[in-house]
Amino acid sequence: MSRLLPRFESSNLILLLLLVLAAGAVPAEPRDPSQFFFDQTFGDFQEEIQRAKEEGKKGVLLMFEMDECPFCHRMKTTVLNQPQVQEYYKENFLIFPVDVEGDVEITDFSGNPMPQKDFALKEHRVRATPVFAFFDLDGNLVNKYIGATRDTEEFMWLGQYVVEGRYRELPFAKYKRERQAAAGK
């Protein structure tokens, strides 16, 4: 009987250790992007650039969207709701949605007031959604990604591409191929 007890205890210990490790490997629960991804704004992007500087961000990210857009919805329910995405992007950017059909007045990065739909269509030529537009701390567009990313990993690469400044030297498609090769994909 005493020989069985140590074996029983060690198997329970191993089982307990495996359960603890498995619990740590469980992905975090998705969180509402309107609360955890997007920042609040009064629509003055000139002021938001100043705020981004004060908060030590790399820039501002705008997501041009519209209510009926299935790809916008997919991004919000599969990518933008992921805690690791939210944490990385919030650390590096102020992030705001822009309704491409919206009549709400905003102030662009140069201080010009206009409806959201004019800002989207006339200033940034947004014709399909979603569009992720990254602006530097001077309000200059540095990268524009049209459409939904394949998955969370690709969206993380997009953010890293901008944060690392790689947009200055190569297109995102080439950066993505580099990342895929490094990951053995």
C-alpha atoms as a PDB file:
ATOM      1  CA  MET A   1       0.000   0.000   0.000  1.00  0.00           C
ATOM      2  CA  SER A   2       2.802   2.436   0.828  1.00  0.00           C
ATOM      3  CA  ARG A   3       4.344   1.795  -2.600  1.00  0.00           C
ATOM      4  CA  LEU A   4       1.103   2.868  -4.330  1.00  0.00           C
ATOM      5  CA  LEU A   5       0.738   6.078  -2.353  1.00  0.00           C
ATOM      6  CA  PRO A   6       3.832   7.869  -3.762  1.00  0.00           C
ATOM      7  CA  ARG A   7       2.849   6.852  -7.302  1.00  0.00           C
ATOM      8  CA  PHE A   8      -0.684   8.127  -6.698  1.00  0.00           C
ATOM      9  CA  GLU A   9       0.584  11.430  -5.290  1.00  0.00           C
ATOM     10  CA  SER A  10       3.025  11.999  -8.127  1.00  0.00           C
ATOM     11  CA  SER A  11       0.377  11.308 -10.776  1.00  0.00           C
ATOM     12  CA  ASN A  12      -1.964  13.765  -9.032  1.00  0.00           C
ATOM     13  CA  LEU A  13       0.828  16.316  -8.903  1.00  0.00           C
ATOM     14  CA  ILE A  14       1.472  15.906 -12.629  1.00  0.00           C
ATOM     15  CA  LEU A  15      -2.244  16.189 -13.368  1.00  0.00           C
ATOM     16  CA  LEU A  16      -2.490  19.321 -11.239  1.00  0.00           C
ATOM     17  CA  LEU A  17       0.539  20.835 -13.001  1.00  0.00           C
ATOM     18  CA  LEU A  18      -0.971  20.085 -16.426  1.00  0.00           C
ATOM     19  CA  LEU A  19      -4.265  21.702 -15.416  1.00  0.00           C
ATOM     20  CA  VAL A  20      -2.459  24.827 -14.197  1.00  0.00           C
ATOM     21  CA  LEU A  21      -0.452  25.065 -17.429  1.00  0.00           C
ATOM     22  CA  ALA A  22      -3.561  24.498 -19.542  1.00  0.00           C
ATOM     23  CA  ALA A  23      -5.429  27.230 -17.677  1.00  0.00           C
ATOM     24  CA  GLY A  24      -2.660  29.691 -18.538  1.00  0.00           C
ATOM     25  CA  ALA A  25      -2.817  28.661 -22.202  1.00  0.00           C
ATOM     26  CA  VAL A  26      -6.518  29.443 -22.554  1.00  0.00           C
ATOM     27  CA  PRO A  27      -6.930  32.565 -24.676  1.00  0.00           C
ATOM     28  CA  ALA A  28      -8.404  35.570 -22.944  1.00  0.00           C
ATOM     29  CA  GLU A  29     -12.103  36.179 -23.419  1.00  0.00           C
ATOM     30  CA  PRO A  30     -13.058  38.535 -26.278  1.00  0.00           C
ATOM     31  CA  ARG A  31     -13.938  42.070 -25.192  1.00  0.00           C
ATOM     32  CA  ASP A  32     -16.206  44.677 -26.763  1.00  0.00           C
ATOM     33  CA  PRO A  33     -14.104  46.766 -29.199  1.00  0.00           C
ATOM     34  CA  SER A  34     -16.221  49.871 -28.619  1.00  0.00           C
ATOM     35  CA  GLN A  35     -15.052  49.801 -25.001  1.00  0.00           C
ATOM     36  CA  PHE A  36     -11.586  48.271 -25.239  1.00  0.00           C
ATOM     37  CA  PHE A  37     -10.257  49.087 -28.726  1.00  0.00           C
ATOM     38  CA  PHE A  38     -11.610  52.488 -29.745  1.00  0.00           C
ATOM     39  CA  ASP A  39     -10.894  55.702 -27.867  1.00  0.00           C
ATOM     40  CA  GLN A  40     -13.450  58.396 -27.135  1.00  0.00           C
ATOM     41  CA  THR A  41     -13.239  61.584 -29.200  1.00  0.00           C
ATOM     42  CA  PHE A  42     -15.112  64.802 -29.817  1.00  0.00           C
ATOM     43  CA  GLY A  43     -14.019  64.533 -33.458  1.00  0.00           C
ATOM     44  CA  ASP A  44     -11.171  67.059 -33.438  1.00  0.00           C
ATOM     45  CA  PHE A  45      -8.321  65.059 -34.953  1.00  0.00           C
ATOM     46  CA  GLN A  46      -5.949  68.010 -34.680  1.00  0.00           C
ATOM     47  CA  GLU A  47      -6.435  67.850 -30.891  1.00  0.00           C
ATOM     48  CA  GLU A  48      -6.148  64.062 -30.938  1.00  0.00           C
ATOM     49  CA  ILE A  49      -2.702  64.301 -32.554  1.00  0.00           C
ATOM     50  CA  GLN A  50      -1.615  66.535 -29.680  1.00  0.00           C
ATOM     51  CA  ARG A  51      -3.067  64.074 -27.183  1.00  0.00           C
ATOM     52  CA  ALA A  52      -1.241  61.192 -28.893  1.00  0.00           C
ATOM     53  CA  LYS A  53       2.045  63.094 -28.530  1.00  0.00           C
ATOM     54  CA  GLU A  54       1.367  63.804 -24.850  1.00  0.00           C
ATOM     55  CA  GLU A  55       0.544  60.146 -24.195  1.00  0.00           C
ATOM     56  CA  GLY A  56       3.674  58.890 -25.979  1.00  0.00           C
ATOM     57  CA  LYS A  57       1.802  57.130 -28.789  1.00  0.00           C
ATOM     58  CA  LYS A  58       3.270  56.378 -32.217  1.00  0.00           C
ATOM     59  CA  GLY A  59       0.295  57.935 -33.991  1.00  0.00           C
ATOM     60  CA  VAL A  60      -3.431  57.779 -34.657  1.00  0.00           C
ATOM     61  CA  LEU A  61      -5.345  54.949 -36.285  1.00  0.00           C
ATOM     62  CA  LEU A  62      -8.678  55.635 -37.957  1.00  0.00           C
ATOM     63  CA  MET A  63     -11.025  52.838 -38.940  1.00  0.00           C
ATOM     64  CA  PHE A  64     -13.288  54.017 -41.749  1.00  0.00           C
ATOM     65  CA  GLU A  65     -16.450  51.938 -41.480  1.00  0.00           C
ATOM     66  CA  MET A  66     -20.175  51.831 -42.117  1.00  0.00           C
ATOM     67  CA  ASP A  67     -23.045  50.111 -40.337  1.00  0.00           C
ATOM     68  CA  GLU A  68     -23.972  47.608 -43.048  1.00  0.00           C
ATOM     69  CA  CYS A  69     -20.387  46.511 -43.741  1.00  0.00           C
ATOM     70  CA  PRO A  70     -20.004  42.740 -43.180  1.00  0.00           C
ATOM     71  CA  PHE A  71     -16.193  42.978 -43.234  1.00  0.00           C
ATOM     72  CA  CYS A  72     -16.235  45.723 -40.569  1.00  0.00           C
ATOM     73  CA  HIS A  73     -18.472  43.502 -38.470  1.00  0.00           C
ATOM     74  CA  ARG A  74     -16.134  40.522 -38.959  1.00  0.00           C
ATOM     75  CA  MET A  75     -13.123  42.589 -37.896  1.00  0.00           C
ATOM     76  CA  LYS A  76     -14.941  43.737 -34.763  1.00  0.00           C
ATOM     77  CA  THR A  77     -16.128  40.252 -33.798  1.00  0.00           C
ATOM     78  CA  THR A  78     -12.999  38.240 -34.606  1.00  0.00           C
ATOM     79  CA  VAL A  79      -9.979  40.575 -34.429  1.00  0.00           C
ATOM     80  CA  LEU A  80     -10.629  43.911 -32.728  1.00  0.00           C
ATOM     81  CA  ASN A  81     -12.289  42.135 -29.801  1.00  0.00           C
ATOM     82  CA  GLN A  82      -9.129  40.192 -28.908  1.00  0.00           C
ATOM     83  CA  PRO A  83      -7.364  41.410 -25.742  1.00  0.00           C
ATOM     84  CA  GLN A  84      -3.846  41.055 -27.190  1.00  0.00           C
ATOM     85  CA  VAL A  85      -4.854  43.191 -30.190  1.00  0.00           C
ATOM     86  CA  GLN A  86      -6.516  45.773 -27.964  1.00  0.00           C
ATOM     87  CA  GLU A  87      -3.529  46.010 -25.634  1.00  0.00           C
ATOM     88  CA  TYR A  88      -0.938  46.330 -28.411  1.00  0.00           C
ATOM     89  CA  TYR A  89      -2.862  48.902 -30.420  1.00  0.00           C
ATOM     90  CA  LYS A  90      -3.912  50.953 -27.363  1.00  0.00           C
ATOM     91  CA  GLU A  91      -0.283  51.073 -26.249  1.00  0.00           C
ATOM     92  CA  ASN A  92       0.838  52.503 -29.583  1.00  0.00           C
ATOM     93  CA  PHE A  93      -2.097  54.452 -31.062  1.00  0.00           C
ATOM     94  CA  LEU A  94      -5.141  56.519 -30.329  1.00  0.00           C
ATOM     95  CA  ILE A  95      -7.877  54.741 -32.288  1.00  0.00           C
ATOM     96  CA  PHE A  96     -11.101  56.217 -33.635  1.00  0.00           C
ATOM     97  CA  PRO A  97     -13.915  54.978 -35.884  1.00  0.00           C
ATOM     98  CA  VAL A  98     -15.091  57.177 -38.745  1.00  0.00           C
ATOM     99  CA  ASP A  99     -18.519  56.556 -40.295  1.00  0.00           C
ATOM    100  CA  VAL A 100     -18.111  56.948 -44.073  1.00  0.00           C
ATOM    101  CA  GLU A 101     -21.810  57.836 -44.327  1.00  0.00           C
ATOM    102  CA  GLY A 102     -21.820  60.040 -41.241  1.00  0.00           C
ATOM    103  CA  ASP A 103     -23.040  63.615 -41.101  1.00  0.00           C
ATOM    104  CA  VAL A 104     -21.395  64.279 -37.737  1.00  0.00           C
ATOM    105  CA  GLU A 105     -18.915  67.110 -38.094  1.00  0.00           C
ATOM    106  CA  ILE A 106     -15.259  66.405 -37.357  1.00  0.00           C
ATOM    107  CA  THR A 107     -12.143  68.535 -37.610  1.00  0.00           C
ATOM    108  CA  ASP A 108      -9.436  67.032 -39.802  1.00  0.00           C
ATOM    109  CA  PHE A 109      -5.720  66.942 -38.972  1.00  0.00           C
ATOM    110  CA  SER A 110      -5.249  70.375 -40.568  1.00  0.00           C
ATOM    111  CA  GLY A 111      -8.046  72.003 -38.546  1.00  0.00           C
ATOM    112  CA  ASN A 112     -10.717  72.003 -41.266  1.00  0.00           C
ATOM    113  CA  PRO A 113     -14.275  71.172 -40.128  1.00  0.00           C
ATOM    114  CA  MET A 114     -16.369  68.834 -42.294  1.00  0.00           C
ATOM    115  CA  PRO A 115     -18.850  65.946 -42.070  1.00  0.00           C
ATOM    116  CA  GLN A 116     -17.340  62.492 -41.538  1.00  0.00           C
ATOM    117  CA  LYS A 117     -18.533  61.354 -44.962  1.00  0.00           C
ATOM    118  CA  ASP A 118     -16.619  64.208 -46.686  1.00  0.00           C
ATOM    119  CA  PHE A 119     -13.525  63.481 -44.592  1.00  0.00           C
ATOM    120  CA  ALA A 120     -13.725  59.845 -45.703  1.00  0.00           C
ATOM    121  CA  LEU A 121     -14.610  60.272 -49.364  1.00  0.00           C
ATOM    122  CA  LYS A 122     -13.107  63.617 -50.360  1.00  0.00           C
ATOM    123  CA  GLU A 123      -9.999  63.724 -48.172  1.00  0.00           C
ATOM    124  CA  HIS A 124      -9.098  60.045 -47.993  1.00  0.00           C
ATOM    125  CA  ARG A 125     -10.837  58.548 -51.045  1.00  0.00           C
ATOM    126  CA  VAL A 126     -12.469  55.794 -49.000  1.00  0.00           C
ATOM    127  CA  ARG A 127     -14.776  53.870 -51.306  1.00  0.00           C
ATOM    128  CA  ALA A 128     -14.881  50.477 -49.586  1.00  0.00           C
ATOM    129  CA  THR A 129     -14.825  49.533 -45.929  1.00  0.00           C
ATOM    130  CA  PRO A 130     -13.155  48.844 -43.663  1.00  0.00           C
ATOM    131  CA  VAL A 131     -10.108  51.007 -44.219  1.00  0.00           C
ATOM    132  CA  PHE A 132      -7.442  51.258 -41.534  1.00  0.00           C
ATOM    133  CA  ALA A 133      -5.550  54.533 -41.923  1.00  0.00           C
ATOM    134  CA  PHE A 134      -2.463  55.176 -39.803  1.00  0.00           C
ATOM    135  CA  PHE A 135      -1.308  58.755 -39.221  1.00  0.00           C
ATOM    136  CA  ASP A 136       1.990  59.903 -37.739  1.00  0.00           C
ATOM    137  CA  LEU A 137       2.254  62.492 -34.982  1.00  0.00           C
ATOM    138  CA  ASP A 138       2.208  65.301 -37.563  1.00  0.00           C
ATOM    139  CA  GLY A 139      -1.131  64.112 -38.997  1.00  0.00           C
ATOM    140  CA  ASN A 140       0.434  62.636 -42.149  1.00  0.00           C
ATOM    141  CA  LEU A 141      -1.032  59.430 -43.556  1.00  0.00           C
ATOM    142  CA  VAL A 142       1.735  56.813 -43.352  1.00  0.00           C
ATOM    143  CA  ASN A 143      -0.155  53.639 -44.197  1.00  0.00           C
ATOM    144  CA  LYS A 144      -3.581  52.680 -45.472  1.00  0.00           C
ATOM    145  CA  TYR A 145      -4.906  49.131 -45.392  1.00  0.00           C
ATOM    146  CA  ILE A 146      -8.112  48.455 -47.304  1.00  0.00           C
ATOM    147  CA  GLY A 147     -10.309  45.555 -46.259  1.00  0.00           C
ATOM    148  CA  ALA A 148     -10.356  43.042 -43.446  1.00  0.00           C
ATOM    149  CA  THR A 149      -7.203  41.226 -42.436  1.00  0.00           C
ATOM    150  CA  ARG A 150      -7.143  37.444 -42.699  1.00  0.00           C
ATOM    151  CA  ASP A 151      -6.894  37.004 -38.927  1.00  0.00           C
ATOM    152  CA  THR A 152      -5.598  38.434 -35.651  1.00  0.00           C
ATOM    153  CA  GLU A 153      -1.985  37.627 -36.503  1.00  0.00           C
ATOM    154  CA  GLU A 154      -2.098  39.593 -39.742  1.00  0.00           C
ATOM    155  CA  PHE A 155      -3.672  42.584 -37.985  1.00  0.00           C
ATOM    156  CA  MET A 156      -0.938  42.444 -35.338  1.00  0.00           C
ATOM    157  CA  TRP A 157       1.662  42.419 -38.128  1.00  0.00           C
ATOM    158  CA  LEU A 158      -0.017  45.481 -39.646  1.00  0.00           C
ATOM    159  CA  GLY A 159       0.373  47.378 -36.379  1.00  0.00           C
ATOM    160  CA  GLN A 160       3.970  46.229 -35.945  1.00  0.00           C
ATOM    161  CA  TYR A 161       4.730  47.227 -39.533  1.00  0.00           C
ATOM    162  CA  VAL A 162       3.702  50.799 -38.715  1.00  0.00           C
ATOM    163  CA  VAL A 163       5.224  50.934 -35.210  1.00  0.00           C
ATOM    164  CA  GLU A 164       8.572  49.622 -36.514  1.00  0.00           C
ATOM    165  CA  GLY A 165       8.523  52.204 -39.332  1.00  0.00           C
ATOM    166  CA  ARG A 166       8.890  49.492 -41.971  1.00  0.00           C
ATOM    167  CA  TYR A 167       6.299  51.303 -44.144  1.00  0.00           C
ATOM    168  CA  ARG A 168       9.152  53.662 -45.068  1.00  0.00           C
ATOM    169  CA  GLU A 169      11.070  50.907 -46.857  1.00  0.00           C
ATOM    170  CA  LEU A 170       8.663  48.278 -48.177  1.00  0.00           C
ATOM    171  CA  PRO A 171       5.003  47.565 -48.866  1.00  0.00           C
ATOM    172  CA  PHE A 172       2.991  45.655 -46.266  1.00  0.00           C
ATOM    173  CA  ALA A 173       2.595  42.623 -48.570  1.00  0.00           C
ATOM    174  CA  LYS A 174       6.369  42.138 -48.601  1.00  0.00           C
ATOM    175  CA  TYR A 175       6.603  42.687 -44.834  1.00  0.00           C
ATOM    176  CA  LYS A 176       3.867  40.077 -44.374  1.00  0.00           C
ATOM    177  CA  ARG A 177       5.778  37.561 -46.531  1.00  0.00           C
ATOM    178  CA  GLU A 178       8.876  38.159 -44.370  1.00  0.00           C
ATOM    179  CA  ARG A 179       6.846  37.500 -41.212  1.00  0.00           C
ATOM    180  CA  GLN A 180       5.264  34.373 -42.704  1.00  0.00           C
ATOM    181  CA  ALA A 181       8.686  33.025 -43.725  1.00  0.00           C
ATOM    182  CA  ALA A 182      10.063  33.716 -40.243  1.00  0.00           C
ATOM    183  CA  ALA A 183       7.116  31.862 -38.728  1.00  0.00           C
ATOM    184  CA  GLY A 184       7.626  28.940 -41.120  1.00  0.00           C
ATOM    185  CA  LYS A 185       4.318  29.421 -42.935  1.00  0.00           C
END
